[in-house]
Every structure is written in C-alpha cells, then in structure tokens.
C-alpha cells in the first residue's frame, strides 16, 4: 500500500506542477503532507519533515550565498574587462564572434541563472550578429548550449536538486564528473567554431569592427580590486573542487569578504543584497520545500516500496544499467519533465531502484545532471528561460529546438561517454 501512496504523491506532483495549477513550493509541501496523513503517518510527520530540512540545509545555504557572491562580482563589474577583451578579440570574423559568444555565455552563467545569462548575453550580441548578417538562430543556439552545459556546476539548479533529492553532498555528486563537464564545455566551443564556419560561408567579411563599438556597463574597477575579485573566485572554486571546505562555508565566507571589499558602505551593501535577494530566496524556498517532500517520502518508506515493486518488472541486466540509461535519456527528459518533478519525483525512485540491482544510486544522480535541465534546459518548453531566450533573440521555438536539440544531445552523450571511461558512471 505504501507503494500506491508513493505513486499517488508523485503523480499529483507531476499533474499540479507541470499543469501549473500550483507553485512548486506549495506542491512539494502540501502533497506529501496530505498523502502522509492519509497513509497513517500523521504522528511521525513533524520528525520526518525535520530530518528532510536538516539534510537540505547545507545545500540551501550554498545556493543563497553562491547567488549573492557571483551577483556582487557581476554588479561590481569584475567580468567587464574580460568581456571587453573577448569582444575585441572577435573582431569582424564570424568564427571568432561565435567562439566569443560561447565563452561570454559561459562566463555570465557562473551565477547559475539562465535568465541573467540570456538578459546580458543576447542583447549585447544581437546588434553584432545583425550588423554582420549572422543568423540570430546561431546566437540563440550557442548561448543555449553554453549556459546549459555550465548549468551542471555545483551551484546550478539541477545539481542542487539532485543532491537534495538523494541527500548527498554536492561535491560527491559533481567532483567525479568535473573532467566530463570540461570536455562538454570544449565540445560547445567546437560546435561554436563549426557554426562560425557556416556563418563565414554565408556572408562576406567587411572592414567594420562592430564589436569594438560595444561598451559594457557597470562599476569601473581598479586593477587591484579586479585581481582581488578574480583571485577570490579561483580560491573559492578551487576550495570546493579539492574539498578543502564544504561549499556552503566557502561561499558564505567568500560572499562576506567580497561584499566588504567591493562595497565598504553599509548602504551599498544593503542595496546589493536586495538586488539578488529575490532570486536567492525563490530557489532556496523550493529547496527547503523539497526537503519536506523527500523527508516524508523516504521516511515513510514510500520510495523504497515503489522501488521494490519496480524491481519485479525490470530485467536484472537492464536494472544494472540504470545509471547509463539515465544518462542517455537525461537530455530528452528535459522536454517531458520540469526540474522539480524529475529531480524530486523521478530521480529518488531511479536511484533506489538501481541500488536494488547493486548499481550505484549516486551514479544515477551524476548521469541525470549531465542532461536533464542542464544541456536541455534552454530548449525545454517547460521552463520560462527558453521563452526568454527566443524572445530576446527573435527566433521561433520550433526553429531553435530543431537547430539546438541535436547538438545538446550530442554534448550529453559525449559527457556520459567520458564519465564511463573515467569510472564516474559504471557499466
């Protein structure tokens, strides 16, 4: 009977979230509470929810302070000199413009926000593409592929959700696939190069250098402050990758230092925090609501019960390959499931089922973040960021998907292949 209640919980989550009947926060809290009570666990619910919240606390804190940290750096103009150099490097060569587009989108997406990436990168480069007679579809595709692959970073939404759903440290999930992700980013650059060659064939080069006319806006930094901020980013990311300290501690300290150094005045500090508080708290509320959801489903035994039922339906050979199968279908799954439904509903079930076949549930999580709402998020009709991207670029959704999906799928498959080669995903 527990399996039935678990199935009801997940189906209701899908119907209400995907159907946009209620917000994810409300669904993640009220649905499991209701089914938990109906299943007879009303006395245990407070402790189950508390356990779920305790597990999610480090991840929620990491996201809040990561968003604030990178937001401060963006507002301070830390990346403006780098962006200017990229634009000057591109000149009026379509190949260099395409590569610069990819690097620029990757750089901006350091804060993990697709909307911010699209709002900065697309308006900045649309005039350039228009003056060079380059296709806006190429612009949208390169930005989508770059931001999507960068979305796998430890503070990206999908990775945070996966770590939350599986109740594991983000570093355990991400660090083993660092090399595959780097390979994926190199693949994006190769694809951008190919797009640039195609554009070069379609247009004739001019003597104009439209990119040098583009000036970035923001706070003007002196050299000392610029290098201090860059060094802070390197130290922070290095500390996370090499597990010198928990990510939430790293970003908490980095945020405080960076805010103090860049904005010594208290009034300025308040203004900067206010600028990014809405985005940080929105995602944090979803993560803590997910703590309630996973705490109830796991604590009541619903996840385990559903997995036990599925075990009887899946051949053992297929069951042992669940991590690999998840990786292969992760990107297309972005077209079917929104991130909250997949990571909080499907992923725990896949992970637990894999463990019944002596496969690694952790590897299922790694495989999932290589495509589900990462490489696939900027082509999915289930996320508002996709419509923001195509709206800013002035392209049709169908054209954008037709051009971008095959390449996004290729990037995921390459990262999965590299993950298998280095043992991050077992077969």
Protein backbone atom coordinates (compact mmCIF):
# COMPACT_ATOMS: atom_id res chain seq x y z
CA UNK A 1 0.00 0.00 0.00
CA UNK A 2 2.94 2.34 0.66
CA UNK A 3 3.94 1.99 -2.98
CA UNK A 4 0.46 3.16 -4.01
CA UNK A 5 0.64 6.20 -1.76
CA UNK A 6 4.09 7.00 -3.11
CA UNK A 7 2.82 6.73 -6.68
CA UNK A 8 -0.14 8.98 -5.87
CA UNK A 9 2.24 11.54 -4.37
CA UNK A 10 4.49 11.65 -7.42
CA UNK A 11 1.62 11.68 -9.94
CA UNK A 12 -0.07 14.54 -8.10
CA UNK A 13 3.23 16.44 -8.10
CA UNK A 14 3.52 15.99 -11.86
CA UNK A 15 -0.07 16.99 -12.59
CA UNK A 16 -0.10 20.07 -10.39
CA UNK A 17 3.39 21.39 -11.18
CA UNK A 18 3.55 20.62 -14.90
CA UNK A 19 -0.05 21.74 -15.30
CA UNK A 20 0.84 24.97 -13.46
CA UNK A 21 -2.06 24.50 -11.06
CA UNK A 22 0.06 25.45 -8.04
CA UNK A 23 3.59 26.68 -7.49
CA UNK A 24 6.32 24.03 -6.89
CA UNK A 25 6.78 25.25 -3.30
CA UNK A 26 3.16 24.58 -2.39
CA UNK A 27 3.07 21.22 -4.18
CA UNK A 28 6.30 19.99 -2.58
CA UNK A 29 4.97 20.78 0.89
CA UNK A 30 1.23 20.06 0.88
CA UNK A 31 1.07 16.96 -1.35
CA UNK A 32 3.40 14.75 0.74
CA UNK A 33 1.88 16.10 3.98
CA UNK A 34 -1.60 15.13 2.75
CA UNK A 35 -0.61 11.66 1.49
CA UNK A 36 1.50 11.09 4.59
CA UNK A 37 -1.51 11.76 6.82
CA UNK A 38 -3.77 9.56 4.70
CA UNK A 39 -1.17 6.78 4.82
CA UNK A 40 -1.30 6.85 8.62
CA UNK A 41 1.93 8.73 9.44
CA UNK A 42 0.42 11.87 10.90
CA UNK A 43 2.26 11.46 14.22
CA UNK A 44 5.64 10.97 12.54
CA UNK A 45 5.30 13.82 10.02
CA UNK A 46 6.99 16.57 12.11
CA UNK A 47 10.11 14.50 12.71
CA UNK A 48 10.22 13.30 9.07
CA UNK A 49 9.97 16.86 7.80
CA UNK A 50 12.63 17.99 10.28
CA UNK A 51 15.00 15.28 9.07
CA UNK A 52 14.44 16.37 5.48
CA UNK A 53 15.11 20.01 6.32
CA UNK A 54 18.31 19.13 8.18
CA UNK A 55 19.57 17.24 5.14
CA UNK A 56 18.81 20.12 2.78
CA UNK A 57 20.18 22.95 4.95
CA UNK A 58 23.79 22.90 3.62
CA UNK A 59 22.61 22.85 0.01
CA UNK A 60 20.14 25.68 0.56
CA UNK A 61 22.78 27.81 2.27
CA UNK A 62 25.24 27.14 -0.54
CA UNK A 63 22.81 28.31 -3.17
CA UNK A 64 21.88 31.50 -1.32
CA UNK A 65 25.47 32.61 -0.77
CA UNK A 66 26.65 31.47 -4.24
CA UNK A 67 23.99 33.63 -5.90
CA UNK A 68 24.92 36.60 -3.69
CA UNK A 69 28.67 36.05 -4.25
CA UNK A 70 28.52 35.97 -8.05
CA UNK A 71 25.88 38.70 -8.07
CA UNK A 72 28.28 41.02 -6.24
CA UNK A 73 31.04 40.26 -8.72
CA UNK A 74 28.72 40.98 -11.66
CA UNK A 75 27.45 44.23 -10.16
CA UNK A 76 30.99 45.33 -9.34
CA UNK A 77 31.98 44.96 -12.99
CA UNK A 78 34.56 42.25 -12.30
CA UNK A 79 33.96 40.46 -15.58
CA UNK A 80 33.59 43.59 -17.75
CA UNK A 81 37.30 43.81 -18.70
CA UNK A 82 37.26 40.12 -19.67
CA UNK A 83 34.11 40.63 -21.74
CA UNK A 84 35.64 43.67 -23.47
CA UNK A 85 38.74 41.66 -24.39
CA UNK A 86 36.59 38.84 -25.75
CA UNK A 87 34.62 41.24 -27.91
CA UNK A 88 37.74 42.95 -29.19
CA UNK A 89 39.29 39.56 -29.92
CA UNK A 90 36.31 38.59 -32.05
CA UNK A 91 36.71 41.49 -34.46
CA UNK A 92 34.54 41.01 -37.54
CA UNK A 93 35.29 37.32 -38.07
CA UNK A 94 32.14 35.17 -37.70
CA UNK A 95 34.19 32.27 -36.33
CA UNK A 96 35.71 34.42 -33.58
CA UNK A 97 32.33 36.00 -32.89
CA UNK A 98 30.76 32.56 -32.42
CA UNK A 99 33.55 31.43 -30.07
CA UNK A 100 33.40 34.70 -28.12
CA UNK A 101 29.63 34.21 -27.78
CA UNK A 102 30.16 30.79 -26.20
CA UNK A 103 32.84 32.00 -23.79
CA UNK A 104 30.80 35.07 -22.86
CA UNK A 105 27.70 32.96 -22.10
CA UNK A 106 29.77 30.53 -20.01
CA UNK A 107 31.29 33.39 -18.06
CA UNK A 108 27.98 35.10 -17.35
CA UNK A 109 26.39 31.80 -16.34
CA UNK A 110 28.80 31.46 -13.42
CA UNK A 111 25.96 32.67 -11.20
CA UNK A 112 23.81 29.74 -12.35
CA UNK A 113 20.93 31.88 -13.57
CA UNK A 114 19.70 31.22 -17.10
CA UNK A 115 17.58 34.36 -17.13
CA UNK A 116 20.54 36.58 -16.20
CA UNK A 117 22.73 34.91 -18.84
CA UNK A 118 20.17 35.46 -21.58
CA UNK A 119 19.38 39.02 -20.49
CA UNK A 120 23.06 40.01 -20.64
CA UNK A 121 24.49 37.94 -23.50
CA UNK A 122 21.70 38.12 -26.10
CA UNK A 123 21.03 41.91 -26.07
CA UNK A 124 24.79 42.56 -26.03
CA UNK A 125 25.44 40.43 -29.10
CA UNK A 126 22.24 40.79 -31.15
CA UNK A 127 23.39 44.08 -32.77
CA UNK A 128 26.71 42.46 -33.62
CA UNK A 129 25.05 39.47 -35.29
CA UNK A 130 22.68 41.77 -37.17
CA UNK A 131 25.43 44.05 -38.49
CA UNK A 132 27.49 41.03 -39.55
CA UNK A 133 24.40 39.45 -41.18
CA UNK A 134 24.85 36.42 -38.94
CA UNK A 135 21.83 34.31 -38.00
CA UNK A 136 20.15 35.10 -34.70
CA UNK A 137 19.32 31.40 -34.55
CA UNK A 138 23.05 30.72 -34.31
CA UNK A 139 23.29 33.22 -31.46
CA UNK A 140 20.42 31.59 -29.55
CA UNK A 141 21.81 28.11 -30.08
CA UNK A 142 25.35 28.91 -28.93
CA UNK A 143 24.11 30.76 -25.84
CA UNK A 144 21.73 27.88 -25.02
CA UNK A 145 24.43 25.21 -25.34
CA UNK A 146 26.94 27.23 -23.32
CA UNK A 147 24.56 28.08 -20.48
CA UNK A 148 23.12 24.56 -20.46
CA UNK A 149 26.49 22.86 -20.04
CA UNK A 150 27.55 25.38 -17.39
CA UNK A 151 24.31 24.64 -15.55
CA UNK A 152 25.90 21.41 -14.29
CA UNK A 153 28.10 23.42 -11.90
CA UNK A 154 27.68 22.58 -8.18
CA UNK A 155 25.54 25.66 -7.56
CA UNK A 156 23.38 25.12 -10.64
CA UNK A 157 19.71 24.34 -10.08
CA UNK A 158 19.72 20.73 -11.39
CA UNK A 159 22.80 19.70 -9.41
CA UNK A 160 21.41 21.25 -6.25
CA UNK A 161 18.10 19.49 -6.77
CA UNK A 162 19.81 16.14 -7.40
CA UNK A 163 21.94 16.48 -4.28
CA UNK A 164 18.87 17.42 -2.29
CA UNK A 165 16.75 14.56 -3.61
CA UNK A 166 19.47 11.98 -2.92
CA UNK A 167 20.54 13.56 0.41
CA UNK A 168 24.22 13.65 -0.55
CA UNK A 169 26.89 16.38 -0.55
CA UNK A 170 27.08 18.33 -3.78
CA UNK A 171 30.81 17.63 -4.06
CA UNK A 172 30.20 13.85 -4.05
CA UNK A 173 27.85 14.33 -6.97
CA UNK A 174 29.85 16.81 -9.02
CA UNK A 175 33.58 16.32 -8.44
CA UNK A 176 33.85 12.93 -10.21
CA UNK A 177 32.30 14.40 -13.37
CA UNK A 178 34.45 17.55 -13.46
CA UNK A 179 36.52 16.19 -16.37
CA UNK A 180 33.43 15.18 -18.41
CA UNK A 181 31.96 18.65 -17.85
CA UNK A 182 35.19 20.30 -19.03
CA UNK A 183 35.09 18.06 -22.09
CA UNK A 184 31.48 19.14 -22.60
CA UNK A 185 32.47 22.81 -22.48
CA UNK A 186 35.23 22.16 -25.03
CA UNK A 187 32.63 20.46 -27.20
CA UNK A 188 30.47 23.58 -27.01
CA UNK A 189 33.44 25.64 -28.24
CA UNK A 190 33.96 23.17 -31.10
CA UNK A 191 30.28 23.45 -32.05
CA UNK A 192 30.52 27.26 -31.89
CA UNK A 193 33.55 27.06 -34.20
CA UNK A 194 31.54 24.95 -36.64
CA UNK A 195 28.62 27.38 -36.52
CA UNK A 196 31.08 30.22 -37.15
CA UNK A 197 32.46 28.48 -40.23
CA UNK A 198 28.93 28.06 -41.56
CA UNK A 199 28.21 31.75 -40.99
CA UNK A 200 31.50 32.73 -42.64
CA UNK A 201 30.49 30.88 -45.78
CA UNK A 202 27.17 32.70 -45.91
CA UNK A 203 28.46 36.24 -45.54
CA UNK A 204 31.30 38.36 -46.83
CA UNK A 205 33.63 39.98 -44.31
CA UNK A 206 33.59 43.75 -44.03
CA UNK A 207 36.14 46.24 -42.80
CA UNK A 208 33.86 47.20 -39.95
CA UNK A 209 34.61 46.03 -36.45
CA UNK A 210 31.19 46.27 -34.81
CA UNK A 211 32.27 44.51 -31.64
CA UNK A 212 34.72 47.21 -30.65
CA UNK A 213 31.81 49.65 -30.53
CA UNK A 214 30.10 47.68 -27.78
CA UNK A 215 30.81 49.01 -24.31
CA UNK A 216 29.86 47.09 -21.26
CA UNK A 217 28.20 48.90 -18.42
CA UNK A 218 28.93 48.59 -14.78
CA UNK A 219 31.16 49.74 -11.99
CA UNK A 220 34.69 50.63 -13.11
CA UNK A 221 37.20 48.60 -11.13
CA UNK A 222 40.81 49.46 -10.45
CA UNK A 223 43.40 46.79 -11.20
CA UNK A 224 43.94 45.81 -7.57
CA UNK A 225 40.23 45.23 -6.94
CA UNK A 226 39.84 43.39 -10.25
CA UNK A 227 42.62 40.91 -9.48
CA UNK A 228 41.41 40.53 -5.90
CA UNK A 229 37.97 39.50 -7.14
CA UNK A 230 39.38 37.11 -9.74
CA UNK A 231 41.65 35.53 -7.12
CA UNK A 232 38.67 35.16 -4.78
CA UNK A 233 36.75 33.28 -7.49
CA UNK A 234 39.71 30.97 -8.14
CA UNK A 235 40.25 30.26 -4.44
CA UNK A 236 36.53 29.68 -3.82
CA UNK A 237 36.03 27.29 -6.73
CA UNK A 238 39.34 25.55 -6.04
CA UNK A 239 38.40 25.03 -2.40
CA UNK A 240 35.15 23.35 -3.46
CA UNK A 241 36.71 21.16 -6.15
CA UNK A 242 39.51 19.97 -3.86
CA UNK A 243 37.13 19.57 -0.89
CA UNK A 244 39.10 21.95 1.34
CA UNK A 245 35.85 23.10 2.95
CA UNK A 246 32.10 22.47 2.48
CA UNK A 247 30.66 24.56 -0.39
CA UNK A 248 28.21 26.45 1.81
CA UNK A 249 31.04 27.55 4.12
CA UNK A 250 33.22 28.57 1.15
CA UNK A 251 30.54 30.73 -0.44
CA UNK A 252 29.44 32.20 2.88
CA UNK A 253 32.96 33.45 3.62
CA UNK A 254 33.66 34.48 0.01
CA UNK A 255 30.40 36.44 -0.09
CA UNK A 256 31.18 38.35 3.12
CA UNK A 257 34.74 39.21 2.06
CA UNK A 258 33.77 40.23 -1.47
CA UNK A 259 30.86 42.38 -0.30
CA UNK A 260 33.01 44.17 2.28
CA UNK A 261 35.90 44.84 -0.10
CA UNK A 262 33.83 45.93 -3.10
CA UNK A 263 31.16 47.85 -1.19
CA UNK A 264 32.53 49.22 2.12
CA UNK A 265 29.46 51.41 2.75
CA UNK A 266 26.62 49.74 4.65
CA UNK A 267 24.01 51.43 2.45
CA UNK A 268 25.63 49.99 -0.68
CA UNK A 269 25.83 46.55 0.92
CA UNK A 270 22.11 46.56 1.63
CA UNK A 271 21.32 47.66 -1.93
CA UNK A 272 23.44 44.90 -3.49
CA UNK A 273 21.91 42.22 -1.27
CA UNK A 274 18.42 43.47 -2.12
CA UNK A 275 19.24 43.23 -5.84
CA UNK A 276 19.78 39.48 -5.59
CA UNK A 277 17.66 38.50 -2.58
CA UNK A 278 14.54 37.69 -4.59
CA UNK A 279 16.28 35.17 -6.86
CA UNK A 280 18.21 33.60 -3.99
CA UNK A 281 15.20 33.18 -1.74
CA UNK A 282 12.93 31.86 -4.51
CA UNK A 283 15.22 28.91 -5.23
CA UNK A 284 16.03 28.41 -1.56
CA UNK A 285 12.32 28.13 -0.74
CA UNK A 286 11.95 25.41 -3.38
CA UNK A 287 14.95 23.53 -1.98
CA UNK A 288 13.65 23.60 1.58
CA UNK A 289 10.18 22.61 0.39
CA UNK A 290 11.89 19.70 -1.37
CA UNK A 291 13.43 18.77 1.96
CA UNK A 292 9.89 18.32 3.27
CA UNK A 293 8.92 16.26 0.19
CA UNK A 294 11.91 13.89 0.25
CA UNK A 295 11.89 13.65 4.04
CA UNK A 296 8.32 12.32 4.02
CA UNK A 297 8.68 10.02 1.01
CA UNK A 298 11.89 8.45 2.29
CA UNK A 299 10.97 8.46 5.97
CA UNK A 300 7.63 6.75 5.43
CA UNK A 301 9.24 4.15 3.18
CA UNK A 302 7.22 5.12 0.10
CA UNK A 303 10.30 5.41 -2.13
CA UNK A 304 11.62 2.03 -1.02
CA UNK A 305 8.20 0.42 -1.51
CA UNK A 306 7.87 1.77 -5.06
CA UNK A 307 11.39 0.66 -5.91
CA UNK A 308 10.65 -2.85 -4.62
CA UNK A 309 7.62 -3.10 -6.89
CA UNK A 310 9.57 -1.86 -9.91
CA UNK A 311 12.34 -4.39 -9.27
CA UNK A 312 9.93 -7.19 -10.15
CA UNK A 313 9.17 -5.61 -13.52
CA UNK A 314 12.72 -4.82 -14.72
CA UNK A 315 15.13 -7.49 -16.04
CA UNK A 316 18.26 -7.68 -13.91
CA UNK A 317 20.57 -6.78 -16.82
CA UNK A 318 18.57 -3.62 -17.51
CA UNK A 319 18.45 -2.78 -13.81
CA UNK A 320 22.23 -2.83 -13.51
CA UNK A 321 22.48 -0.31 -16.35
CA UNK A 322 20.07 2.25 -14.90
CA UNK A 323 22.85 4.85 -14.43
CA UNK A 324 23.90 4.58 -18.09
CA UNK A 325 20.30 4.54 -19.34
CA UNK A 326 19.55 7.62 -17.23
CA UNK A 327 22.50 9.46 -18.78
CA UNK A 328 21.43 8.61 -22.32
CA UNK A 329 17.86 9.78 -21.85
CA UNK A 330 18.59 12.67 -19.46
CA UNK A 331 18.65 15.41 -22.08
CA UNK A 332 15.42 14.34 -23.89
CA UNK A 333 13.79 14.07 -20.45
CA UNK A 334 14.05 17.87 -20.25
CA UNK A 335 11.28 18.03 -22.84
CA UNK A 336 8.98 15.88 -20.70
CA UNK A 337 9.67 16.78 -17.07
CA UNK A 338 10.27 20.10 -15.37
CA UNK A 339 13.27 20.05 -12.98
CA UNK A 340 11.28 19.87 -9.75
CA UNK A 341 9.14 16.95 -10.92
CA UNK A 342 12.09 15.00 -12.29
CA UNK A 343 14.62 15.52 -9.51
CA UNK A 344 12.25 15.28 -6.58
CA UNK A 345 9.87 12.73 -8.06
CA UNK A 346 11.65 10.52 -10.58
CA UNK A 347 15.32 10.64 -9.53
CA UNK A 348 14.93 9.19 -6.00
CA UNK A 349 12.90 6.34 -7.47
CA UNK A 350 15.50 5.63 -10.17
CA UNK A 351 18.30 5.80 -7.61
CA UNK A 352 16.66 3.45 -5.14
CA UNK A 353 15.69 1.03 -7.90
CA UNK A 354 19.28 0.97 -9.21
CA UNK A 355 20.55 0.09 -5.75
CA UNK A 356 18.25 -2.94 -5.67
CA UNK A 357 20.23 -4.21 -8.68
CA UNK A 358 23.57 -3.46 -6.98
CA UNK A 359 24.09 -0.41 -9.18
CA UNK A 360 25.05 2.96 -7.70
CA UNK A 361 22.22 5.33 -6.85
CA UNK A 362 24.78 8.14 -6.67
CA UNK A 363 25.84 7.45 -10.25
CA UNK A 364 22.22 7.74 -11.34
CA UNK A 365 22.29 11.30 -9.98
CA UNK A 366 25.52 12.07 -11.83
CA UNK A 367 24.07 10.73 -15.06
CA UNK A 368 20.89 12.77 -14.63
CA UNK A 369 22.64 16.14 -14.25
CA UNK A 370 24.57 15.57 -17.48
CA UNK A 371 21.41 16.36 -19.42
CA UNK A 372 18.16 16.81 -17.52
CA UNK A 373 17.54 20.56 -17.43
CA UNK A 374 21.26 21.21 -17.97
CA UNK A 375 22.09 20.82 -21.66
CA UNK A 376 18.33 20.52 -22.12
CA UNK A 377 17.05 23.45 -20.08
CA UNK A 378 17.32 26.14 -22.75
CA UNK A 379 15.30 24.13 -25.30
CA UNK A 380 12.62 22.85 -22.93
CA UNK A 381 9.11 24.31 -23.24
CA UNK A 382 8.72 23.62 -19.51
CA UNK A 383 10.99 26.45 -18.40
CA UNK A 384 10.41 30.16 -18.79
CA UNK A 385 14.08 30.75 -19.59
CA UNK A 386 13.64 29.12 -23.00
CA UNK A 387 10.95 31.61 -23.97
CA UNK A 388 13.03 34.48 -22.62
CA UNK A 389 15.94 33.35 -24.82
CA UNK A 390 13.94 33.01 -28.04
CA UNK A 391 12.07 36.23 -27.30
CA UNK A 392 15.28 38.22 -26.87
CA UNK A 393 16.84 36.63 -29.95
CA UNK A 394 13.67 36.98 -32.01
CA UNK A 395 13.53 33.36 -33.19
CA UNK A 396 10.79 30.73 -33.23
CA UNK A 397 10.74 27.94 -30.61
CA UNK A 398 10.48 25.20 -33.24
CA UNK A 399 13.45 26.55 -35.23
CA UNK A 400 15.51 26.94 -32.07
CA UNK A 401 14.74 23.39 -30.94
CA UNK A 402 15.44 21.94 -34.38
CA UNK A 403 18.88 23.55 -34.51
CA UNK A 404 19.89 23.14 -30.86
CA UNK A 405 18.48 19.82 -29.61
CA UNK A 406 20.72 17.52 -31.70
CA UNK A 407 23.84 19.34 -30.50
CA UNK A 408 22.65 19.43 -26.88
CA UNK A 409 22.01 15.68 -27.09
CA UNK A 410 25.49 15.15 -28.57
CA UNK A 411 27.13 17.11 -25.74
CA UNK A 412 25.33 14.97 -23.16
CA UNK A 413 26.30 11.73 -24.89
CA UNK A 414 29.95 12.82 -25.04
CA UNK A 415 29.95 13.69 -21.32
CA UNK A 416 28.30 10.36 -20.48
CA UNK A 417 30.90 8.52 -22.59
CA UNK A 418 33.78 10.31 -20.83
CA UNK A 419 32.14 9.61 -17.44
CA UNK A 420 32.06 5.90 -18.29
CA UNK A 421 35.71 5.98 -19.42
CA UNK A 422 36.93 7.52 -16.13
CA UNK A 423 34.64 5.42 -13.94
CA UNK A 424 32.32 8.18 -12.75
CA UNK A 425 29.47 6.11 -14.21
CA UNK A 426 29.82 2.32 -14.11
CA UNK A 427 28.58 -0.16 -16.71
